[in-house]
Structures are given as structure tokens and as C-alpha cells.
Amino acid sequence: MDSIDRAKQRIRLVISGSRVPEDSRHADNTLEWLLRLAPDADDALQLAALAHDIDRAINEVKVKRADFDDYDAFKAAHAHNGAEILRPILTACGVERHIVDEACRLVEVHEVGGDLRSDLIKDADGISYFDVNLPLYYRREGWEEAKRRSRWGYRRLSPRAQEIVRHIAYEEEALVRLLREVVVE
């Protein structure tokens, strides 16, 4: 097993410890969406897609929403913390330094993007939220919070990613209605 495969295995192991039931599926689904958006995605992009929310899996150092008045400040702290958690994991797995540096940079900016590579991670993450997370998030948090979070997530997507999200189908009528409301606002 090479260093990249070891790193992916270790990231999945860490994320499997999350108390949020959809986190493991979201990590893999974000990687799947990245590869749909960019089939030739390099190792740094793939590692970042898989590990972008690793912060949520380690309760002792997890950035908590309740500690922030501003949602964007919370997301920025979450992304920074995730990059700090990821670096020693990748280094311990023997990943080349330039790949470690780029994967951590991508995790650091995955909520806001800003360049072609980080925008890919942001879009893959955002599409995966609607594809995997929203049904469980809605059940856990309720209509108003799910709508607020979905509105925030949809607005940050590129037009290409928004088009993909508009075609996600839910069996539950409440989710169909929620997505419809988010998309037309």
C-alpha cells in the first residue's frame, strides 16, 4: 500500500469516529463528486475532498457552532482546524510534503474556495451536502435550520454545481419542497 492509500485509510478511520452519522458517507461522497467534476483530480485534491470535514470527527478539538455568533466565522475556524488535524496524519503516512501542503491548503479554504482547485472541493462538498447530508440534517435540526443551512450552501455553489443540485431527487416530500424553496430564493 502506498502513502496515499495509507493516508486515505487513516482519514476514513478518523472520520468513522464522528458522532454525526452521515460524516463517513459525506467524506466518501465528496470524493465521488470531486471525481465526477474532475476525473483527473490529483492526490492532493482527493485527500482534501476526503478529509475536508475531519475536524468534526475529533470531539476534543472540534470547532463548535455554538461558540460563534457568525456562521462564516465558524466555518472558517472549522476549515482551519481541519487542516491542522490533517497535516500530521498525512506526514505520518509518508505523503510527499508538496502533496501534504496542497491538501492542507485546500482543506483550509474548502468553505470559501477562491481558485479553480479549491472551488472544486467547495463544489464537491456542497453537492454532497444536498446528496447525502440534508435528509439526516433535516431530521435532526428541523425545517428552519435545514432551510437556513441549505440556502447558505446553495448560494456558495458555482452555477455548474447549482445545476447538479437542482436535479437531486428526494423521496420525502418535505425535502423536495425545501430544496424547491432554496433554489427559487
Protein backbone atom coordinates (compact mmCIF):
# COMPACT_ATOMS: atom_id res chain seq x y z
CA MET A 1 0.00 0.00 0.00
CA ASP A 2 1.45 3.36 -0.96
CA SER A 3 1.43 6.51 1.17
CA ILE A 4 -1.68 7.97 -0.46
CA ASP A 5 -3.70 4.79 0.12
CA ARG A 6 -2.45 4.65 3.73
CA ALA A 7 -3.48 8.27 4.21
CA LYS A 8 -6.97 7.67 2.77
CA GLN A 9 -7.38 4.65 5.03
CA ARG A 10 -6.27 6.65 8.09
CA ILE A 11 -8.55 9.59 7.22
CA ARG A 12 -11.52 7.23 6.88
CA LEU A 13 -10.65 5.65 10.23
CA VAL A 14 -10.56 9.04 11.96
CA ILE A 15 -13.81 10.18 10.36
CA SER A 16 -15.52 6.93 11.33
CA GLY A 17 -15.22 8.14 14.93
CA SER A 18 -17.54 11.10 14.31
CA ARG A 19 -20.73 11.32 16.34
CA VAL A 20 -22.53 12.70 13.27
CA PRO A 21 -23.93 9.65 11.48
CA GLU A 22 -23.55 10.99 7.94
CA ASP A 23 -19.91 12.15 8.24
CA SER A 24 -18.29 8.97 6.88
CA ARG A 25 -20.68 8.77 3.95
CA HIS A 26 -20.27 12.51 3.29
CA ALA A 27 -16.47 12.18 3.14
CA ASP A 28 -16.61 9.38 0.57
CA ASN A 29 -19.44 11.06 -1.33
CA THR A 30 -17.49 14.32 -1.55
CA LEU A 31 -14.60 12.38 -3.06
CA GLU A 32 -17.02 10.74 -5.51
CA TRP A 33 -18.40 14.14 -6.54
CA LEU A 34 -14.88 15.53 -6.94
CA LEU A 35 -14.06 12.69 -9.32
CA ARG A 36 -17.26 13.34 -11.28
CA LEU A 37 -16.41 17.03 -11.57
CA ALA A 38 -12.70 16.42 -12.26
CA PRO A 39 -11.96 12.79 -13.23
CA ASP A 40 -8.23 13.55 -13.36
CA ALA A 41 -8.12 15.02 -9.81
CA ASP A 42 -4.66 14.60 -8.34
CA ASP A 43 -3.75 13.14 -4.94
CA ALA A 44 -3.90 16.44 -3.06
CA LEU A 45 -7.42 17.16 -4.33
CA GLN A 46 -8.58 13.64 -3.49
CA LEU A 47 -7.11 13.75 0.02
CA ALA A 48 -8.67 17.16 0.65
CA ALA A 49 -12.08 16.01 -0.58
CA LEU A 50 -12.00 13.01 1.71
CA ALA A 51 -10.66 14.90 4.75
CA HIS A 52 -12.30 18.33 4.39
CA ASP A 53 -14.56 17.81 7.47
CA ILE A 54 -12.13 15.75 9.56
CA ASP A 55 -12.45 18.40 12.28
CA ARG A 56 -15.96 17.12 13.08
CA ALA A 57 -14.68 13.65 13.95
CA ILE A 58 -12.42 14.60 16.86
CA ASN A 59 -14.65 15.83 19.63
CA GLU A 60 -11.83 17.07 21.87
CA VAL A 61 -10.68 19.65 19.30
CA LYS A 62 -13.83 20.02 17.20
CA VAL A 63 -14.87 23.58 16.42
CA LYS A 64 -18.42 24.03 17.71
CA ARG A 65 -21.08 26.16 16.06
CA ALA A 66 -22.37 27.32 19.45
CA ASP A 67 -19.04 29.09 20.08
CA PHE A 68 -19.60 31.52 17.18
CA ASP A 69 -22.12 34.28 16.56
CA ASP A 70 -21.23 34.36 12.86
CA TYR A 71 -21.75 31.23 10.74
CA ASP A 72 -18.99 32.14 8.26
CA ALA A 73 -16.50 32.65 11.12
CA PHE A 74 -17.48 29.22 12.46
CA LYS A 75 -16.92 27.65 9.03
CA ALA A 76 -13.52 29.36 8.67
CA ALA A 77 -12.40 28.09 12.09
CA HIS A 78 -13.68 24.59 11.24
CA ALA A 79 -11.69 24.58 7.98
CA HIS A 80 -8.52 25.85 9.67
CA ASN A 81 -8.82 23.25 12.41
CA GLY A 82 -9.35 20.51 9.84
CA ALA A 83 -6.14 21.45 8.04
CA GLU A 84 -4.25 21.40 11.35
CA ILE A 85 -5.60 17.91 12.11
CA LEU A 86 -4.85 16.61 8.62
CA ARG A 87 -1.19 17.65 8.36
CA PRO A 88 0.27 15.22 10.94
CA ILE A 89 -1.87 12.37 9.58
CA LEU A 90 -0.55 12.83 6.06
CA THR A 91 3.01 13.30 7.28
CA ALA A 92 2.86 10.13 9.41
CA CYS A 93 1.63 8.21 6.36
CA GLY A 94 4.69 9.30 4.38
CA VAL A 95 2.85 11.55 1.91
CA GLU A 96 5.21 13.84 0.00
CA ARG A 97 5.45 17.29 1.51
CA HIS A 98 4.16 19.20 -1.54
CA ILE A 99 1.03 17.00 -1.54
CA VAL A 100 0.60 17.49 2.23
CA ASP A 101 0.92 21.26 1.84
CA GLU A 102 -1.58 21.43 -1.02
CA ALA A 103 -4.12 19.07 0.60
CA CYS A 104 -4.00 21.12 3.81
CA ARG A 105 -4.33 24.39 1.87
CA LEU A 106 -7.40 23.00 0.11
CA VAL A 107 -8.99 21.92 3.40
CA GLU A 108 -8.21 25.35 4.87
CA VAL A 109 -10.20 27.09 2.10
CA HIS A 110 -12.78 24.42 1.26
CA GLU A 111 -15.67 26.51 2.60
CA VAL A 112 -14.90 29.60 0.51
CA GLY A 113 -12.87 28.42 -2.49
CA GLY A 114 -11.17 31.20 -4.40
CA ASP A 115 -9.26 29.38 -7.12
CA LEU A 116 -10.03 26.57 -9.56
CA ARG A 117 -8.76 23.79 -7.26
CA SER A 118 -10.38 24.97 -4.04
CA ASP A 119 -13.59 25.73 -5.93
CA LEU A 120 -13.70 22.06 -6.96
CA ILE A 121 -13.53 20.97 -3.31
CA LYS A 122 -16.14 23.56 -2.32
CA ASP A 123 -18.50 22.36 -5.06
CA ALA A 124 -17.97 18.65 -4.34
CA ASP A 125 -18.61 19.31 -0.63
CA GLY A 126 -21.68 21.39 -1.36
CA ILE A 127 -23.22 18.90 -3.77
CA SER A 128 -22.57 16.12 -1.26
CA TYR A 129 -24.36 18.09 1.46
CA PHE A 130 -27.52 18.01 -0.65
CA ASP A 131 -26.92 14.46 -1.88
CA VAL A 132 -26.12 12.81 1.49
CA ASN A 133 -26.36 15.13 4.47
CA LEU A 134 -29.58 17.07 4.01
CA PRO A 135 -32.06 14.26 4.81
CA LEU A 136 -30.37 13.48 8.13
CA TYR A 137 -29.66 17.13 8.90
CA TYR A 138 -33.34 17.93 8.35
CA ARG A 139 -34.49 15.16 10.69
CA ARG A 140 -32.02 16.25 13.37
CA GLU A 141 -32.32 20.05 13.09
CA GLY A 142 -35.81 20.71 11.68
CA TRP A 143 -37.22 22.75 8.82
CA GLU A 144 -35.97 26.26 9.65
CA GLU A 145 -32.37 25.28 10.39
CA ALA A 146 -32.18 22.91 7.41
CA LYS A 147 -33.53 25.63 5.16
CA ARG A 148 -31.07 28.22 6.52
CA ARG A 149 -28.14 25.83 6.11
CA SER A 150 -29.29 24.74 2.65
CA ARG A 151 -29.74 28.33 1.48
CA TRP A 152 -26.22 29.15 2.68
CA GLY A 153 -24.82 26.04 0.98
CA TYR A 154 -26.64 26.55 -2.31
CA ARG A 155 -25.58 30.18 -2.66
CA ARG A 156 -21.90 29.31 -2.35
CA LEU A 157 -22.01 26.80 -5.22
CA SER A 158 -20.85 27.52 -8.75
CA PRO A 159 -23.57 27.65 -11.43
CA ARG A 160 -22.48 24.19 -12.61
CA ALA A 161 -22.87 22.73 -9.10
CA GLN A 162 -26.18 24.54 -8.58
CA GLU A 163 -27.49 22.86 -11.72
CA ILE A 164 -26.47 19.44 -10.37
CA VAL A 165 -28.16 20.16 -7.02
CA ARG A 166 -31.38 21.26 -8.74
CA HIS A 167 -31.64 17.72 -10.14
CA ILE A 168 -31.16 15.85 -6.87
CA ALA A 169 -34.34 13.92 -6.11
CA TYR A 170 -35.67 13.12 -2.65
CA GLU A 171 -38.36 10.62 -1.78
CA GLU A 172 -39.54 12.67 1.19
CA GLU A 173 -41.93 15.43 0.09
CA ALA A 174 -40.70 17.86 2.78
CA LEU A 175 -37.18 17.68 1.33
CA VAL A 176 -38.47 18.18 -2.21
CA ARG A 177 -40.31 21.29 -1.01
CA LEU A 178 -37.31 22.53 0.99
CA LEU A 179 -34.97 22.21 -2.00
CA ARG A 180 -37.51 23.89 -4.27
CA GLU A 181 -37.76 26.85 -1.86
CA VAL A 182 -33.98 27.14 -1.54
CA VAL A 183 -33.43 27.04 -5.30
CA VAL A 184 -36.01 29.72 -6.17
CA GLU A 185 -34.98 32.24 -3.48
